[in-house]
Protein backbone atom coordinates (compact mmCIF):
# COMPACT_ATOMS: atom_id res chain seq x y z
CA MET A 1 95.60 92.11 94.76
CA VAL A 2 93.15 93.84 96.74
CA LEU A 3 90.92 90.72 97.18
CA ARG A 4 94.27 88.64 98.36
CA LEU A 5 95.55 91.26 100.76
CA GLY A 6 96.06 89.64 104.34
CA ASP A 7 95.95 91.59 107.61
CA SER A 8 95.23 94.79 106.43
CA SER A 9 91.40 93.37 105.38
CA VAL A 10 90.70 93.39 109.00
CA PHE A 11 90.54 96.84 109.26
CA ILE A 12 89.65 97.97 105.99
CA GLY A 13 86.66 95.57 104.79
CA HIS A 14 85.84 95.56 101.40
CA ALA A 15 87.46 97.42 98.81
CA VAL A 16 85.75 100.14 96.88
CA PHE A 17 86.98 101.49 93.21
CA ALA A 18 86.27 104.86 92.36
CA SER A 19 86.45 106.16 88.58
CA SER A 20 87.49 109.96 88.98
CA TRP A 21 88.82 112.20 91.58
CA GLN A 22 85.09 113.53 92.36
CA GLU A 23 84.05 110.16 93.11
CA LEU A 24 87.42 109.54 95.57
CA ALA A 25 86.54 112.73 97.49
CA CYS A 26 83.20 111.77 98.06
CA LEU A 27 84.38 108.79 99.45
CA GLY A 28 86.79 110.08 101.16
CA GLU A 29 84.50 112.20 102.94
CA ARG A 30 82.55 109.31 103.97
CA HIS A 31 85.59 107.23 105.20
CA PRO A 32 88.05 109.51 106.80
CA GLY A 33 91.56 108.08 107.32
CA SER A 34 90.77 105.37 104.59
CA PRO A 35 93.63 104.80 102.52
CA ALA A 36 93.33 105.10 98.81
CA LEU A 37 95.22 103.72 95.94
CA VAL A 38 95.82 106.11 93.18
CA ASP A 39 97.47 104.64 89.87
CA PRO A 40 98.00 107.88 87.78
CA SER A 41 98.85 105.67 84.60
CA LEU A 42 94.93 104.75 84.40
CA VAL A 43 93.44 108.40 85.40
CA GLY A 44 95.82 111.34 85.05
CA PHE A 45 96.51 114.03 87.52
CA SER A 46 94.76 116.50 85.30
CA ASP A 47 91.61 114.39 84.47
CA THR A 48 88.95 115.92 86.53
CA THR A 49 86.04 117.96 85.86
CA SER A 50 87.20 120.35 88.99
CA GLU A 51 90.15 122.07 89.69
CA GLU A 52 89.34 122.03 93.23
CA LEU A 53 89.34 118.15 93.39
CA THR A 54 92.77 117.70 91.86
CA PRO A 55 95.23 116.48 94.21
CA GLY A 56 97.36 119.69 94.05
CA GLY A 57 94.20 121.86 94.00
CA ARG A 58 92.47 123.83 96.99
CA ARG A 59 91.01 120.59 98.32
CA ASP A 60 92.26 119.17 101.54
CA TRP A 61 93.17 115.60 100.99
CA SER A 62 94.83 114.92 104.44
CA SER A 63 91.89 112.91 105.77
CA THR A 64 92.35 110.50 102.68
CA PRO A 65 95.71 108.81 102.94
CA LEU A 66 97.00 108.49 99.39
CA ILE A 67 99.17 105.31 98.40
CA LEU A 68 100.88 106.06 94.87
CA TYR A 69 100.37 102.68 93.14
CA ALA A 70 102.20 102.62 89.69
CA GLU A 71 104.76 100.45 87.62
CA ARG A 72 108.27 101.05 89.10
CA ASN A 73 109.85 102.35 85.64
CA SER A 74 106.47 104.21 84.85
CA PRO A 75 107.09 108.12 85.22
CA GLU A 76 104.61 108.50 87.93
CA HIS A 77 106.16 106.18 90.16
CA GLY A 78 108.82 108.70 91.30
CA THR A 79 107.16 112.19 90.37
CA ARG A 80 105.60 114.27 93.10
CA PRO A 81 102.96 116.77 91.41
CA PRO A 82 103.32 120.68 92.98
CA GLY A 83 101.63 120.73 96.23
CA PHE A 84 100.82 116.88 96.56
CA SER A 85 102.04 114.01 98.67
CA PHE A 86 101.83 110.32 99.10
CA THR A 87 101.65 108.70 102.52
CA ALA A 88 103.45 105.65 100.95
CA ARG A 89 104.42 104.38 97.15
CA VAL A 90 104.07 100.70 95.97
CA ARG A 91 105.30 99.18 92.90
CA ALA A 92 102.44 97.65 90.96
CA GLY A 93 102.78 93.95 90.00
CA LEU A 94 101.10 90.59 90.81
CA VAL A 95 103.64 88.80 92.68
CA ASP A 96 103.14 87.97 96.28
CA ASP A 97 106.25 90.10 97.54
CA ASP A 98 104.07 93.01 95.91
CA ILE A 99 100.74 92.13 97.84
CA ASP A 100 102.92 92.10 101.22
CA ALA A 101 104.32 95.39 100.27
CA LEU A 102 100.77 96.75 99.53
CA ASP A 103 99.43 95.21 102.57
CA ALA A 104 102.08 96.82 104.96
CA ALA A 105 101.66 100.32 103.25
CA ILE A 106 97.82 100.23 103.45
CA MET A 107 98.36 99.36 107.49
CA ARG A 108 100.86 101.98 107.83
CA SER A 109 98.65 104.85 106.10
CA ILE A 110 95.08 103.71 107.68
CA ASP A 111 94.45 107.07 110.05
CA VAL A 112 97.84 108.01 109.66
CA ARG A 113 96.68 111.92 110.44
CA ARG A 114 96.21 110.73 113.72
CA VAL A 115 100.13 109.30 113.75
CA HIS A 116 101.30 112.84 112.45
CA LEU A 117 99.29 115.12 114.59
CA LEU A 118 101.07 113.03 117.76
CA LEU A 119 104.66 113.36 116.17
CA GLU A 120 103.87 117.14 115.78
CA ARG A 121 102.71 117.32 119.46
CA LEU A 122 105.80 115.46 120.39
CA GLY A 123 108.08 117.52 118.46
CA ARG A 124 107.19 120.47 120.60
CA CYS A 125 107.98 118.82 123.83
CA ALA A 126 110.06 116.18 123.52
CA ASP A 127 113.89 116.11 122.87
CA PRO A 128 114.48 115.74 119.09
CA PHE A 129 116.19 112.07 119.68
CA ALA A 130 113.16 110.94 121.76
CA HIS A 131 111.14 112.19 118.84
CA ARG A 132 113.44 110.26 116.17
CA VAL A 133 113.01 107.28 118.33
CA LEU A 134 109.45 107.39 118.69
CA ARG A 135 109.19 108.30 114.74
CA HIS A 136 110.48 104.85 114.08
CA ALA A 137 108.89 102.72 116.23
CA LEU A 138 105.47 104.08 115.40
CA GLU A 139 106.56 103.16 111.32
CA LEU A 140 107.02 99.92 112.62
CA ALA A 141 104.43 99.44 115.30
CA ILE A 142 102.29 97.30 112.57
CA GLY A 143 104.27 94.33 113.69
CA PRO A 144 106.49 93.07 116.31
CA ALA A 145 109.06 95.70 116.55
CA THR A 146 112.16 94.92 117.93
CA VAL A 147 114.93 97.16 119.61
CA SER A 148 117.07 95.74 116.94
CA GLN A 149 115.20 97.31 114.37
CA ILE A 150 115.26 100.95 115.96
CA VAL A 151 119.13 100.28 116.17
CA GLY A 152 119.27 99.65 112.64
CA SER A 153 117.02 102.44 111.96
CA LEU A 154 118.96 104.86 113.56
CA GLY A 155 122.29 103.53 113.09
CA MET A 156 123.76 103.08 116.27
CA PRO A 157 124.73 100.47 118.81
CA ARG A 158 122.08 99.29 120.82
CA ARG A 159 124.20 100.02 124.09
CA THR A 160 124.30 103.62 122.68
CA LEU A 161 120.53 103.77 122.31
CA GLN A 162 119.87 102.86 125.72
CA ARG A 163 122.30 105.08 127.19
CA ARG A 164 121.02 108.12 125.44
CA CYS A 165 117.40 107.28 126.91
CA ALA A 166 118.72 107.07 130.28
CA VAL A 167 120.78 110.45 129.98
CA LEU A 168 117.28 111.98 128.75
CA GLY A 169 115.74 110.59 131.44
CA ILE A 170 113.21 108.86 129.36
CA PRO A 171 111.89 105.17 129.22
CA GLY A 172 114.15 102.81 127.39
CA PRO A 173 113.99 101.73 123.54
CA GLN A 174 111.89 98.48 124.35
CA THR A 175 109.26 100.67 126.44
CA LEU A 176 108.84 103.30 123.82
CA ILE A 177 108.36 100.48 121.46
CA SER A 178 105.74 99.04 123.32
CA LEU A 179 103.72 102.30 123.63
CA ALA A 180 103.76 102.67 120.00
CA ARG A 181 102.37 99.15 119.70
CA VAL A 182 99.76 99.78 122.19
CA PHE A 183 99.08 103.46 120.74
CA THR A 184 98.71 101.77 117.21
CA VAL A 185 96.42 98.96 118.33
CA GLU A 186 94.14 101.15 120.31
CA ARG A 187 94.15 103.65 117.24
CA LEU A 188 93.17 101.12 114.62
CA SER A 189 90.60 99.66 117.08
CA LYS A 190 88.82 102.64 117.22
CA TRP A 191 89.17 103.88 113.80
CA SER A 192 87.81 100.30 112.41
CA SER A 193 85.42 99.79 115.67
CA ARG A 194 86.92 96.33 115.68
CA PRO A 195 87.88 94.81 119.46
CA ALA A 196 91.41 95.80 120.34
CA GLY A 197 92.06 92.10 120.80
CA ALA A 198 91.30 91.24 116.88
CA ILE A 199 93.43 94.24 116.17
CA ALA A 200 96.02 92.92 118.26
CA LEU A 201 96.17 89.59 116.34
CA ALA A 202 96.32 91.32 113.22
CA LEU A 203 99.15 93.07 114.12
CA GLY A 204 101.72 90.31 115.19
CA PHE A 205 100.34 89.26 118.72
CA SER A 206 100.25 85.42 119.10
CA HIS A 207 97.18 85.79 121.57
CA ARG A 208 95.09 88.32 122.92
CA ALA A 209 96.59 87.54 126.46
CA ASN A 210 100.01 88.59 125.30
CA TYR A 211 98.32 91.92 124.47
CA ARG A 212 96.21 92.00 128.02
CA ARG A 213 99.64 91.21 129.78
CA LEU A 214 101.46 94.02 127.77
CA THR A 215 98.64 96.77 128.82
CA ARG A 216 98.67 95.76 132.53
CA ARG A 217 102.44 95.94 132.85
CA LEU A 218 103.00 99.23 130.67
CA LEU A 219 99.86 101.28 132.04
CA GLY A 220 98.52 99.27 134.72
CA VAL A 221 95.08 98.05 132.98
CA PRO A 222 93.77 95.58 131.27
CA PRO A 223 92.51 96.53 127.41
CA SER A 224 88.78 96.58 128.58
CA ILE A 225 89.62 99.64 131.32
CA LEU A 226 92.29 101.28 128.80
CA GLU A 227 89.28 101.60 126.26
CA GLU A 228 87.14 103.34 129.15
CA ARG A 229 90.02 105.67 130.10
CA GLY A 230 90.04 107.00 126.09
CA GLY A 231 91.94 103.95 124.55
CA ALA A 232 94.04 105.92 122.12
CA ASP A 233 93.80 109.20 123.68
CA TYR A 234 94.74 107.70 126.98
CA VAL A 235 97.56 106.09 125.30
CA GLU A 236 99.09 109.33 123.91
CA GLU A 237 98.82 111.10 126.81
CA ALA A 238 101.35 108.43 128.49
CA ILE A 239 103.53 108.56 125.46
CA VAL A 240 103.77 112.46 126.00
CA ARG A 241 104.28 112.31 129.67
CA ALA A 242 107.26 109.61 129.18
CA VAL A 243 109.28 112.32 127.01
CA ASP A 244 107.82 115.53 127.82
CA LEU A 245 111.03 117.62 129.07
CA ARG A 246 109.14 119.69 130.93
CA GLY A 247 108.05 116.75 133.27
CA SER A 248 109.61 113.53 134.10
CA ALA A 249 109.16 110.23 132.80
CA SER A 250 105.79 108.45 134.47
CA VAL A 251 105.90 105.13 132.69
CA THR A 252 107.58 101.99 134.10
CA ASP A 253 110.55 100.38 132.16
CA VAL A 254 109.94 97.03 130.67
């Protein structure tokens, strides 16, 4: 399944197999932000020579996004060991749907700590509703997200969503989605050392030119200048300014 992965292979390169928590910890130190698939049915959570290396032990696993990969009817699939959390859960199998699910889980998990830090920051400065919209937008940003998907996630009519954004004085939902998309492209570009254009194609943009037009319309600069100004860091600041209750929206609605 790993060898048959789709878009996520653009970011992660080839797969490496670890036979123990010790080996996985070493790999995580060398490749921070790289997701790891864990199947407890093959290597038990207590199967380690050092308590510090267990998921619930003293070691900080936050820089290694762990994806639970187990059979849906196995005890491990629904469990959560004390002091430990998974970035995602995927049912083990050999059918194409499982490969697509695994591919999506990997793309959402890459460097996910950076996403969590942004959401924590927004939690301190943004209205809770704006925080919810952006959380869903960032979750959907690995593909061509739409306002309809956000509406479905929030369970409210489109007009209500647009009206609440207007009342808060923040950009509309399409702009927030676009900001999340650009942030994701730039974040994965920096993490993988791959050009933003290649990342944009892997995330569903039909052409590099479409990504260039979006960054120009949204932020006033092409991807090359965006990279010079800090890439994902620059976009993060634009997101914060757009929804910060202590200031005013500074991103043009598109």
